[in-house]
Amino acid sequence: QVQLVESGGGLVQPGGSLRLSCAASESIFSFNTMGWYRQAPGKQRELVCTWLRWGSTVYADSVKGRFTSIRDNAKNTVYLQMNSLKPEDTAVYFCNANRTNEDYWGQGTQVTVSS
């Protein structure tokens, strides 16, 4: 069973930065996609960004230019570098890994952007 372990959430002021980590229990190249989703209170879970095994990374319009997905292949870890954070970025962030007929989720990490 694949495990995804997230870390790095917390409380940050508007304009600040955070870096989330997602450590996978096997090679990230065994997945077709790996990415981050988020869910704010009372809202549906939404895509933040997703890395495609064939090379490209797709970002939601709301985070383009502020968030960056980084991979460390040797550590089987993906990171989400979040800069210029806004209160509307407040949510639980989930790591996701997908391959044919299989979909895996981390436990989620809370990010709160508030002064």
C-alpha atoms as a PDB file:
ATOM      1  CA  GLN A   1       0.000   0.000   0.000  1.00  0.00           C
ATOM      2  CA  VAL A   2       1.425   3.370  -1.017  1.00  0.00           C
ATOM      3  CA  GLN A   3       1.847   5.900   1.770  1.00  0.00           C
ATOM      4  CA  LEU A   4       2.081   9.657   1.341  1.00  0.00           C
ATOM      5  CA  VAL A   5       3.234  11.618   4.395  1.00  0.00           C
ATOM      6  CA  GLU A   6       2.813  15.369   4.377  1.00  0.00           C
ATOM      7  CA  SER A   7       4.438  17.969   6.577  1.00  0.00           C
ATOM      8  CA  GLY A   8       5.166  21.675   6.695  1.00  0.00           C
ATOM      9  CA  GLY A   9       1.820  23.335   7.287  1.00  0.00           C
ATOM     10  CA  GLY A  10       1.241  26.054   9.842  1.00  0.00           C
ATOM     11  CA  LEU A  11       0.237  29.627  10.508  1.00  0.00           C
ATOM     12  CA  VAL A  12       1.766  32.390   8.400  1.00  0.00           C
ATOM     13  CA  GLN A  13       1.058  36.065   7.869  1.00  0.00           C
ATOM     14  CA  PRO A  14      -0.203  37.380   4.524  1.00  0.00           C
ATOM     15  CA  GLY A  15       2.715  37.801   2.153  1.00  0.00           C
ATOM     16  CA  GLY A  16       4.699  35.087   3.896  1.00  0.00           C
ATOM     17  CA  SER A  17       5.991  31.752   2.663  1.00  0.00           C
ATOM     18  CA  LEU A  18       5.644  28.084   3.557  1.00  0.00           C
ATOM     19  CA  ARG A  19       7.040  24.892   2.103  1.00  0.00           C
ATOM     20  CA  LEU A  20       5.021  21.693   2.219  1.00  0.00           C
ATOM     21  CA  SER A  21       6.574  18.245   1.811  1.00  0.00           C
ATOM     22  CA  CYS A  22       5.074  14.978   0.634  1.00  0.00           C
ATOM     23  CA  ALA A  23       7.195  11.866   1.094  1.00  0.00           C
ATOM     24  CA  ALA A  24       6.100   8.806  -0.878  1.00  0.00           C
ATOM     25  CA  SER A  25       6.819   5.229   0.171  1.00  0.00           C
ATOM     26  CA  GLU A  26       8.004   4.378  -3.356  1.00  0.00           C
ATOM     27  CA  SER A  27       9.545   6.038  -6.368  1.00  0.00           C
ATOM     28  CA  ILE A  28       7.632   9.034  -7.623  1.00  0.00           C
ATOM     29  CA  PHE A  29       8.280   7.760 -11.158  1.00  0.00           C
ATOM     30  CA  SER A  30       5.912   4.848 -10.438  1.00  0.00           C
ATOM     31  CA  PHE A  31       3.043   7.353 -10.601  1.00  0.00           C
ATOM     32  CA  ASN A  32       1.491   8.991 -13.642  1.00  0.00           C
ATOM     33  CA  THR A  33       0.847  12.175 -11.691  1.00  0.00           C
ATOM     34  CA  MET A  34       1.689  13.639  -8.302  1.00  0.00           C
ATOM     35  CA  GLY A  35       0.238  16.826  -7.015  1.00  0.00           C
ATOM     36  CA  TRP A  36      -1.371  18.964  -4.397  1.00  0.00           C
ATOM     37  CA  TYR A  37      -5.015  19.707  -3.725  1.00  0.00           C
ATOM     38  CA  ARG A  38      -6.599  21.885  -1.081  1.00  0.00           C
ATOM     39  CA  GLN A  39      -9.936  22.126   0.662  1.00  0.00           C
ATOM     40  CA  ALA A  40     -11.164  25.198   2.476  1.00  0.00           C
ATOM     41  CA  PRO A  41     -14.035  25.022   4.997  1.00  0.00           C
ATOM     42  CA  GLY A  42     -17.365  24.662   3.222  1.00  0.00           C
ATOM     43  CA  LYS A  43     -15.743  24.309  -0.192  1.00  0.00           C
ATOM     44  CA  GLN A  44     -14.944  21.448  -2.517  1.00  0.00           C
ATOM     45  CA  ARG A  45     -11.443  20.076  -2.823  1.00  0.00           C
ATOM     46  CA  GLU A  46      -9.611  21.813  -5.651  1.00  0.00           C
ATOM     47  CA  LEU A  47      -6.447  21.243  -7.621  1.00  0.00           C
ATOM     48  CA  VAL A  48      -3.429  23.363  -6.689  1.00  0.00           C
ATOM     49  CA  CYS A  49      -0.852  21.821  -9.001  1.00  0.00           C
ATOM     50  CA  THR A  50       0.008  18.474 -10.514  1.00  0.00           C
ATOM     51  CA  TRP A  51       3.243  17.077 -11.911  1.00  0.00           C
ATOM     52  CA  LEU A  52       2.893  14.847 -14.927  1.00  0.00           C
ATOM     53  CA  ARG A  53       5.384  12.007 -15.261  1.00  0.00           C
ATOM     54  CA  TRP A  54       6.062  12.960 -18.867  1.00  0.00           C
ATOM     55  CA  GLY A  55       7.479  16.222 -17.650  1.00  0.00           C
ATOM     56  CA  SER A  56       5.136  19.168 -17.295  1.00  0.00           C
ATOM     57  CA  THR A  57       3.545  20.704 -14.212  1.00  0.00           C
ATOM     58  CA  VAL A  58       0.088  22.233 -14.273  1.00  0.00           C
ATOM     59  CA  TYR A  59      -0.908  24.990 -11.833  1.00  0.00           C
ATOM     60  CA  ALA A  60      -4.267  26.423 -10.895  1.00  0.00           C
ATOM     61  CA  ASP A  61      -4.671  30.002 -12.114  1.00  0.00           C
ATOM     62  CA  SER A  62      -5.094  31.182  -8.526  1.00  0.00           C
ATOM     63  CA  VAL A  63      -1.550  30.103  -7.584  1.00  0.00           C
ATOM     64  CA  LYS A  64       0.415  30.685 -10.807  1.00  0.00           C
ATOM     65  CA  GLY A  65       3.501  32.766 -10.164  1.00  0.00           C
ATOM     66  CA  ARG A  66       3.289  32.240  -6.395  1.00  0.00           C
ATOM     67  CA  PHE A  67       3.485  28.463  -5.883  1.00  0.00           C
ATOM     68  CA  THR A  68       6.124  26.102  -7.259  1.00  0.00           C
ATOM     69  CA  SER A  69       6.199  22.305  -7.260  1.00  0.00           C
ATOM     70  CA  ILE A  70       9.667  20.843  -6.668  1.00  0.00           C
ATOM     71  CA  ARG A  71      10.704  17.196  -6.894  1.00  0.00           C
ATOM     72  CA  ASP A  72      13.529  15.375  -5.135  1.00  0.00           C
ATOM     73  CA  ASN A  73      13.666  12.084  -6.990  1.00  0.00           C
ATOM     74  CA  ALA A  74      16.307  10.581  -4.700  1.00  0.00           C
ATOM     75  CA  LYS A  75      14.116  11.155  -1.637  1.00  0.00           C
ATOM     76  CA  ASN A  76      10.817  10.209  -3.346  1.00  0.00           C
ATOM     77  CA  THR A  77       9.544  13.577  -2.178  1.00  0.00           C
ATOM     78  CA  VAL A  78       7.633  16.418  -3.755  1.00  0.00           C
ATOM     79  CA  TYR A  79       7.503  19.878  -2.279  1.00  0.00           C
ATOM     80  CA  LEU A  80       5.131  22.778  -2.656  1.00  0.00           C
ATOM     81  CA  GLN A  81       6.888  26.108  -2.229  1.00  0.00           C
ATOM     82  CA  MET A  82       4.236  28.722  -1.466  1.00  0.00           C
ATOM     83  CA  ASN A  83       5.176  32.396  -1.633  1.00  0.00           C
ATOM     84  CA  SER A  84       3.157  35.608  -1.343  1.00  0.00           C
ATOM     85  CA  LEU A  85       0.494  33.760   0.606  1.00  0.00           C
ATOM     86  CA  LYS A  86      -2.984  35.240   0.845  1.00  0.00           C
ATOM     87  CA  PRO A  87      -5.787  34.639   3.362  1.00  0.00           C
ATOM     88  CA  GLU A  88      -7.722  32.854   0.614  1.00  0.00           C
ATOM     89  CA  ASP A  89      -4.960  30.236   0.484  1.00  0.00           C
ATOM     90  CA  THR A  90      -6.097  29.040   3.910  1.00  0.00           C
ATOM     91  CA  ALA A  91      -7.089  25.366   3.579  1.00  0.00           C
ATOM     92  CA  VAL A  92      -6.104  21.807   4.319  1.00  0.00           C
ATOM     93  CA  TYR A  93      -3.568  20.785   1.694  1.00  0.00           C
ATOM     94  CA  PHE A  94      -3.477  17.187   0.463  1.00  0.00           C
ATOM     95  CA  CYS A  95      -0.812  15.355  -1.487  1.00  0.00           C
ATOM     96  CA  ASN A  96      -2.094  13.080  -4.252  1.00  0.00           C
ATOM     97  CA  ALA A  97      -0.466  10.346  -6.335  1.00  0.00           C
ATOM     98  CA  ASN A  98      -2.169   8.584  -9.198  1.00  0.00           C
ATOM     99  CA  ARG A  99      -1.508   5.682 -11.514  1.00  0.00           C
ATOM    100  CA  THR A 100      -3.829   3.606 -13.625  1.00  0.00           C
ATOM    101  CA  ASN A 101      -6.801   2.529 -11.473  1.00  0.00           C
ATOM    102  CA  GLU A 102      -5.052   3.655  -8.291  1.00  0.00           C
ATOM    103  CA  ASP A 103      -5.419   6.942  -6.431  1.00  0.00           C
ATOM    104  CA  TYR A 104      -3.606   7.769  -3.183  1.00  0.00           C
ATOM    105  CA  TRP A 105      -3.982  10.643  -0.724  1.00  0.00           C
ATOM    106  CA  GLY A 106      -1.996  11.946   2.196  1.00  0.00           C
ATOM    107  CA  GLN A 107      -3.582  12.788   5.518  1.00  0.00           C
ATOM    108  CA  GLY A 108      -3.600  16.528   4.865  1.00  0.00           C
ATOM    109  CA  THR A 109      -1.788  19.459   6.473  1.00  0.00           C
ATOM    110  CA  GLN A 110      -3.403  22.706   7.607  1.00  0.00           C
ATOM    111  CA  VAL A 111      -2.218  26.009   6.159  1.00  0.00           C
ATOM    112  CA  THR A 112      -3.608  29.155   7.766  1.00  0.00           C
ATOM    113  CA  VAL A 113      -2.812  32.591   6.380  1.00  0.00           C
ATOM    114  CA  SER A 114      -3.808  35.280   8.843  1.00  0.00           C
ATOM    115  CA  SER A 115      -2.493  38.389  10.534  1.00  0.00           C
END
